[in-house]
C-alpha atoms as a PDB file:
ATOM      1  CA  MET A   1     308.320 165.893 200.602  1.00  0.00           C
ATOM      2  CA  HIS A   2     309.749 169.178 202.390  1.00  0.00           C
ATOM      3  CA  TRP A   3     313.318 169.236 203.749  1.00  0.00           C
ATOM      4  CA  PHE A   4     311.665 170.128 206.923  1.00  0.00           C
ATOM      5  CA  ALA A   5     309.868 166.855 207.352  1.00  0.00           C
ATOM      6  CA  TRP A   6     312.621 164.561 206.338  1.00  0.00           C
ATOM      7  CA  TRP A   7     316.145 165.625 208.073  1.00  0.00           C
ATOM      8  CA  PRO A   8     314.546 165.547 211.897  1.00  0.00           C
ATOM      9  CA  THR A   9     313.031 161.817 210.950  1.00  0.00           C
ATOM     10  CA  LEU A  10     316.146 160.297 209.047  1.00  0.00           C
ATOM     11  CA  ILE A  11     318.553 161.558 212.700  1.00  0.00           C
ATOM     12  CA  VAL A  12     315.442 160.238 214.813  1.00  0.00           C
ATOM     13  CA  VAL A  13     315.666 156.869 212.777  1.00  0.00           C
ATOM     14  CA  ALA A  14     319.238 156.711 212.064  1.00  0.00           C
ATOM     15  CA  VAL A  15     319.830 156.737 216.118  1.00  0.00           C
ATOM     16  CA  ALA A  16     316.821 154.569 216.722  1.00  0.00           C
ATOM     17  CA  ALA A  17     318.164 152.152 214.363  1.00  0.00           C
ATOM     18  CA  PHE A  18     321.683 151.906 215.679  1.00  0.00           C
ATOM     19  CA  MET A  19     320.246 151.793 219.308  1.00  0.00           C
ATOM     20  CA  ASP A  20     317.937 148.905 218.276  1.00  0.00           C
ATOM     21  CA  LEU A  21     320.587 146.863 216.996  1.00  0.00           C
ATOM     22  CA  ARG A  22     323.250 147.444 220.141  1.00  0.00           C
ATOM     23  CA  SER A  23     321.015 146.802 222.596  1.00  0.00           C
ATOM     24  CA  ARG A  24     317.369 145.968 221.633  1.00  0.00           C
ATOM     25  CA  ARG A  25     315.841 148.977 222.741  1.00  0.00           C
ATOM     26  CA  ILE A  26     314.874 152.524 221.505  1.00  0.00           C
ATOM     27  CA  PRO A  27     315.412 154.946 224.118  1.00  0.00           C
ATOM     28  CA  ASN A  28     312.284 157.458 225.230  1.00  0.00           C
ATOM     29  CA  TRP A  29     314.625 160.125 225.451  1.00  0.00           C
ATOM     30  CA  LEU A  30     315.320 159.777 221.915  1.00  0.00           C
ATOM     31  CA  VAL A  31     311.299 159.070 220.590  1.00  0.00           C
ATOM     32  CA  LEU A  32     309.169 161.180 223.213  1.00  0.00           C
ATOM     33  CA  PRO A  33     311.165 164.422 222.483  1.00  0.00           C
ATOM     34  CA  PHE A  34     310.577 163.493 218.712  1.00  0.00           C
ATOM     35  CA  LEU A  35     306.977 162.779 219.025  1.00  0.00           C
ATOM     36  CA  LEU A  36     306.327 166.188 220.681  1.00  0.00           C
ATOM     37  CA  ALA A  37     308.301 168.398 218.072  1.00  0.00           C
ATOM     38  CA  GLY A  38     306.496 166.748 215.071  1.00  0.00           C
ATOM     39  CA  ILE A  39     302.901 167.981 216.927  1.00  0.00           C
ATOM     40  CA  VAL A  40     304.494 170.934 217.817  1.00  0.00           C
ATOM     41  CA  VAL A  41     305.689 171.567 214.278  1.00  0.00           C
ATOM     42  CA  SER A  42     302.798 170.526 211.959  1.00  0.00           C
ATOM     43  CA  PRO A  43     300.549 173.224 211.836  1.00  0.00           C
ATOM     44  CA  TRP A  44     303.471 174.987 210.307  1.00  0.00           C
ATOM     45  CA  ARG A  45     304.854 172.377 207.746  1.00  0.00           C
ATOM     46  CA  HIS A  46     304.679 174.106 204.094  1.00  0.00           C
ATOM     47  CA  ASP A  47     304.125 170.678 202.592  1.00  0.00           C
ATOM     48  CA  TRP A  48     300.869 169.992 204.481  1.00  0.00           C
ATOM     49  CA  PRO A  49     297.896 171.930 203.485  1.00  0.00           C
ATOM     50  CA  GLY A  50     297.750 173.077 207.273  1.00  0.00           C
ATOM     51  CA  LEU A  51     299.122 176.696 205.935  1.00  0.00           C
ATOM     52  CA  ARG A  52     296.317 177.011 203.585  1.00  0.00           C
ATOM     53  CA  GLN A  53     293.644 175.067 205.396  1.00  0.00           C
ATOM     54  CA  GLY A  54     294.481 176.569 208.801  1.00  0.00           C
ATOM     55  CA  PHE A  55     296.110 175.731 212.024  1.00  0.00           C
ATOM     56  CA  TRP A  56     293.704 172.992 213.481  1.00  0.00           C
ATOM     57  CA  HIS A  57     294.278 170.824 209.958  1.00  0.00           C
ATOM     58  CA  GLY A  58     298.194 170.467 210.058  1.00  0.00           C
ATOM     59  CA  LEU A  59     297.587 169.570 213.824  1.00  0.00           C
ATOM     60  CA  GLY A  60     295.065 167.165 212.595  1.00  0.00           C
ATOM     61  CA  LEU A  61     296.954 165.547 210.043  1.00  0.00           C
ATOM     62  CA  SER A  62     299.811 165.053 213.224  1.00  0.00           C
ATOM     63  CA  PHE A  63     297.336 163.501 215.287  1.00  0.00           C
ATOM     64  CA  ALA A  64     295.876 161.034 212.616  1.00  0.00           C
ATOM     65  CA  GLY A  65     299.589 160.161 211.868  1.00  0.00           C
ATOM     66  CA  LEU A  66     299.906 159.749 215.389  1.00  0.00           C
ATOM     67  CA  ALA A  67     297.019 157.530 215.930  1.00  0.00           C
ATOM     68  CA  LEU A  68     297.564 155.379 212.527  1.00  0.00           C
ATOM     69  CA  GLY A  69     300.764 154.783 214.234  1.00  0.00           C
ATOM     70  CA  LEU A  70     299.410 153.596 217.610  1.00  0.00           C
ATOM     71  CA  LEU A  71     296.881 151.758 215.900  1.00  0.00           C
ATOM     72  CA  VAL A  72     298.939 149.509 213.860  1.00  0.00           C
ATOM     73  CA  TYR A  73     302.068 148.850 215.644  1.00  0.00           C
ATOM     74  CA  GLY A  74     300.213 148.833 218.817  1.00  0.00           C
ATOM     75  CA  PHE A  75     297.955 146.009 217.608  1.00  0.00           C
ATOM     76  CA  LEU A  76     301.028 144.218 216.936  1.00  0.00           C
ATOM     77  CA  PHE A  77     302.370 145.279 220.247  1.00  0.00           C
ATOM     78  CA  TRP A  78     299.585 143.352 221.531  1.00  0.00           C
ATOM     79  CA  LEU A  79     299.782 140.517 219.642  1.00  0.00           C
ATOM     80  CA  GLY A  80     303.368 140.069 220.855  1.00  0.00           C
ATOM     81  CA  GLY A  81     305.399 140.658 217.605  1.00  0.00           C
ATOM     82  CA  MET A  82     306.379 144.140 218.221  1.00  0.00           C
ATOM     83  CA  GLY A  83     308.264 145.960 221.147  1.00  0.00           C
ATOM     84  CA  ALA A  84     307.090 149.042 222.595  1.00  0.00           C
ATOM     85  CA  GLY A  85     309.717 150.622 221.544  1.00  0.00           C
ATOM     86  CA  ASP A  86     309.051 150.025 217.707  1.00  0.00           C
ATOM     87  CA  VAL A  87     305.351 151.727 218.771  1.00  0.00           C
ATOM     88  CA  LYS A  88     306.669 154.656 220.127  1.00  0.00           C
ATOM     89  CA  LEU A  89     308.872 154.852 216.787  1.00  0.00           C
ATOM     90  CA  CYS A  90     305.929 154.420 214.591  1.00  0.00           C
ATOM     91  CA  ALA A  91     304.212 156.631 216.582  1.00  0.00           C
ATOM     92  CA  ALA A  92     306.225 159.964 216.580  1.00  0.00           C
ATOM     93  CA  ILE A  93     307.256 159.776 212.889  1.00  0.00           C
ATOM     94  CA  GLY A  94     303.555 158.942 212.136  1.00  0.00           C
ATOM     95  CA  ALA A  95     302.943 162.684 214.251  1.00  0.00           C
ATOM     96  CA  TRP A  96     306.205 164.322 211.867  1.00  0.00           C
ATOM     97  CA  ILE A  97     304.836 162.569 208.229  1.00  0.00           C
ATOM     98  CA  GLY A  98     301.018 162.616 208.670  1.00  0.00           C
ATOM     99  CA  PRO A  99     298.828 159.093 207.649  1.00  0.00           C
ATOM    100  CA  SER A 100     299.036 158.800 203.876  1.00  0.00           C
ATOM    101  CA  GLN A 101     302.963 159.097 204.016  1.00  0.00           C
ATOM    102  CA  LEU A 102     303.130 156.920 206.956  1.00  0.00           C
ATOM    103  CA  PHE A 103     300.490 154.466 205.550  1.00  0.00           C
ATOM    104  CA  MET A 104     303.053 154.342 202.544  1.00  0.00           C
ATOM    105  CA  ALA A 105     306.658 153.682 204.816  1.00  0.00           C
ATOM    106  CA  MET A 106     304.558 151.179 206.500  1.00  0.00           C
ATOM    107  CA  ILE A 107     303.559 148.838 203.779  1.00  0.00           C
ATOM    108  CA  ILE A 108     307.216 149.723 202.859  1.00  0.00           C
ATOM    109  CA  THR A 109     308.610 148.782 206.446  1.00  0.00           C
ATOM    110  CA  ALA A 110     306.572 145.446 206.366  1.00  0.00           C
ATOM    111  CA  ILE A 111     308.277 144.536 202.832  1.00  0.00           C
ATOM    112  CA  ILE A 112     311.796 145.350 204.232  1.00  0.00           C
ATOM    113  CA  GLY A 113     311.024 143.756 207.544  1.00  0.00           C
ATOM    114  CA  GLY A 114     309.766 140.727 205.688  1.00  0.00           C
ATOM    115  CA  VAL A 115     312.845 140.250 203.774  1.00  0.00           C
ATOM    116  CA  MET A 116     315.254 141.193 207.331  1.00  0.00           C
ATOM    117  CA  VAL A 117     313.755 138.315 209.011  1.00  0.00           C
ATOM    118  CA  LEU A 118     313.903 136.046 206.302  1.00  0.00           C
ATOM    119  CA  CYS A 119     317.863 136.603 205.818  1.00  0.00           C
ATOM    120  CA  TRP A 120     317.869 136.610 209.621  1.00  0.00           C
ATOM    121  CA  ALA A 121     316.344 133.104 210.707  1.00  0.00           C
ATOM    122  CA  VAL A 122     318.558 131.415 207.599  1.00  0.00           C
ATOM    123  CA  VAL A 123     321.629 133.253 208.532  1.00  0.00           C
ATOM    124  CA  GLY A 124     321.236 131.786 212.058  1.00  0.00           C
ATOM    125  CA  GLY A 125     319.973 128.367 211.381  1.00  0.00           C
ATOM    126  CA  PHE A 126     316.129 128.856 212.785  1.00  0.00           C
ATOM    127  CA  PHE A 127     314.060 129.058 209.476  1.00  0.00           C
ATOM    128  CA  LYS A 128     312.121 126.507 210.841  1.00  0.00           C
ATOM    129  CA  GLU A 129     311.310 127.754 214.294  1.00  0.00           C
ATOM    130  CA  LEU A 130     310.279 131.113 212.615  1.00  0.00           C
ATOM    131  CA  PHE A 131     307.305 129.631 210.735  1.00  0.00           C
ATOM    132  CA  THR A 132     306.225 128.054 213.961  1.00  0.00           C
ATOM    133  CA  GLY A 133     306.473 130.750 216.550  1.00  0.00           C
ATOM    134  CA  THR A 134     304.821 132.931 213.717  1.00  0.00           C
ATOM    135  CA  GLY A 135     302.070 130.232 213.532  1.00  0.00           C
ATOM    136  CA  ASP A 136     302.066 130.613 217.595  1.00  0.00           C
ATOM    137  CA  LEU A 137     301.611 134.481 217.319  1.00  0.00           C
ATOM    138  CA  LEU A 138     299.014 134.969 214.519  1.00  0.00           C
ATOM    139  CA  PHE A 139     296.684 132.013 216.063  1.00  0.00           C
ATOM    140  CA  GLY A 140     297.863 131.333 219.348  1.00  0.00           C
ATOM    141  CA  TRP A 141     296.271 134.339 220.636  1.00  0.00           C
ATOM    142  CA  LYS A 142     292.983 132.609 221.338  1.00  0.00           C
ATOM    143  CA  GLN A 143     294.604 130.345 223.679  1.00  0.00           C
ATOM    144  CA  ARG A 144     297.065 133.042 225.550  1.00  0.00           C
ATOM    145  CA  GLY A 145     293.986 135.688 225.262  1.00  0.00           C
ATOM    146  CA  THR A 146     295.191 139.340 226.054  1.00  0.00           C
ATOM    147  CA  VAL A 147     298.765 137.785 228.423  1.00  0.00           C
ATOM    148  CA  ARG A 148     301.703 138.205 226.418  1.00  0.00           C
ATOM    149  CA  ASP A 149     304.467 135.072 226.547  1.00  0.00           C
ATOM    150  CA  PRO A 150     305.937 135.563 229.654  1.00  0.00           C
ATOM    151  CA  GLU A 151     309.297 133.836 227.947  1.00  0.00           C
ATOM    152  CA  VAL A 152     309.541 136.778 225.678  1.00  0.00           C
ATOM    153  CA  VAL A 153     311.960 139.022 227.187  1.00  0.00           C
ATOM    154  CA  LEU A 154     315.171 140.364 225.930  1.00  0.00           C
ATOM    155  CA  ALA A 155     317.117 138.605 228.969  1.00  0.00           C
ATOM    156  CA  ASN A 156     315.683 135.046 227.463  1.00  0.00           C
ATOM    157  CA  PRO A 157     318.181 134.273 224.867  1.00  0.00           C
ATOM    158  CA  LEU A 158     316.467 131.137 223.392  1.00  0.00           C
ATOM    159  CA  LYS A 159     313.119 133.742 222.132  1.00  0.00           C
ATOM    160  CA  ARG A 160     314.429 135.340 218.920  1.00  0.00           C
ATOM    161  CA  ARG A 161     313.673 139.146 218.826  1.00  0.00           C
ATOM    162  CA  MET A 162     315.035 140.787 215.859  1.00  0.00           C
ATOM    163  CA  PRO A 163     315.562 144.549 216.091  1.00  0.00           C
ATOM    164  CA  TYR A 164     312.988 146.477 213.510  1.00  0.00           C
ATOM    165  CA  ALA A 165     314.168 150.053 214.028  1.00  0.00           C
ATOM    166  CA  PRO A 166     316.455 149.084 210.833  1.00  0.00           C
ATOM    167  CA  ALA A 167     313.350 147.958 208.826  1.00  0.00           C
ATOM    168  CA  ILE A 168     311.096 151.216 210.125  1.00  0.00           C
ATOM    169  CA  ALA A 169     314.331 153.138 208.931  1.00  0.00           C
ATOM    170  CA  ILE A 170     315.221 152.005 205.348  1.00  0.00           C
ATOM    171  CA  GLY A 171     310.965 151.914 205.062  1.00  0.00           C
ATOM    172  CA  THR A 172     310.270 155.706 206.142  1.00  0.00           C
ATOM    173  CA  LEU A 173     313.223 156.780 204.475  1.00  0.00           C
ATOM    174  CA  ILE A 174     312.276 155.005 201.286  1.00  0.00           C
ATOM    175  CA  SER A 175     308.619 156.787 201.562  1.00  0.00           C
ATOM    176  CA  PHE A 176     310.239 159.791 201.103  1.00  0.00           C
ATOM    177  CA  PHE A 177     311.531 158.888 197.542  1.00  0.00           C
ATOM    178  CA  ALA A 178     308.711 156.771 196.692  1.00  0.00           C
ATOM    179  CA  ARG A 179     306.351 160.008 196.995  1.00  0.00           C
END
């Protein structure tokens, strides 16, 4: 991956991870300009075949990465297992790095996130509750329909929500070196 793609991504995911750890929020002022910049610069990326295959090819790769991030993380958001900031961050990363790189980053992120949540549950003393909640998330959607659990909000301390931006950041950065 060319330096032009990874240094803005490195900065944004680092700031997003810090903000998510501190406040459990990923701000729009960080993610939305990053997303727009990824779309704008995509036709001129030297590490994509955009210059060799034309302006629209690079732009298409950017939108395909954005769509992949929205589709996968949007589905997890719909299930109630992901925050909207995580969805927007993943879509913005997809606009910068394209669908094939994002796919690799999402697989690595899932592994990193799984290890992080298991460690978090063990240290926090709610390992058993983690599996009960995960089962409800995966299999309880038929009972609750498309409506999310109203108790799953940041203001409710009884519902434990892990900040996922650090996992997204680590998974994305490892994907740069794995390629």
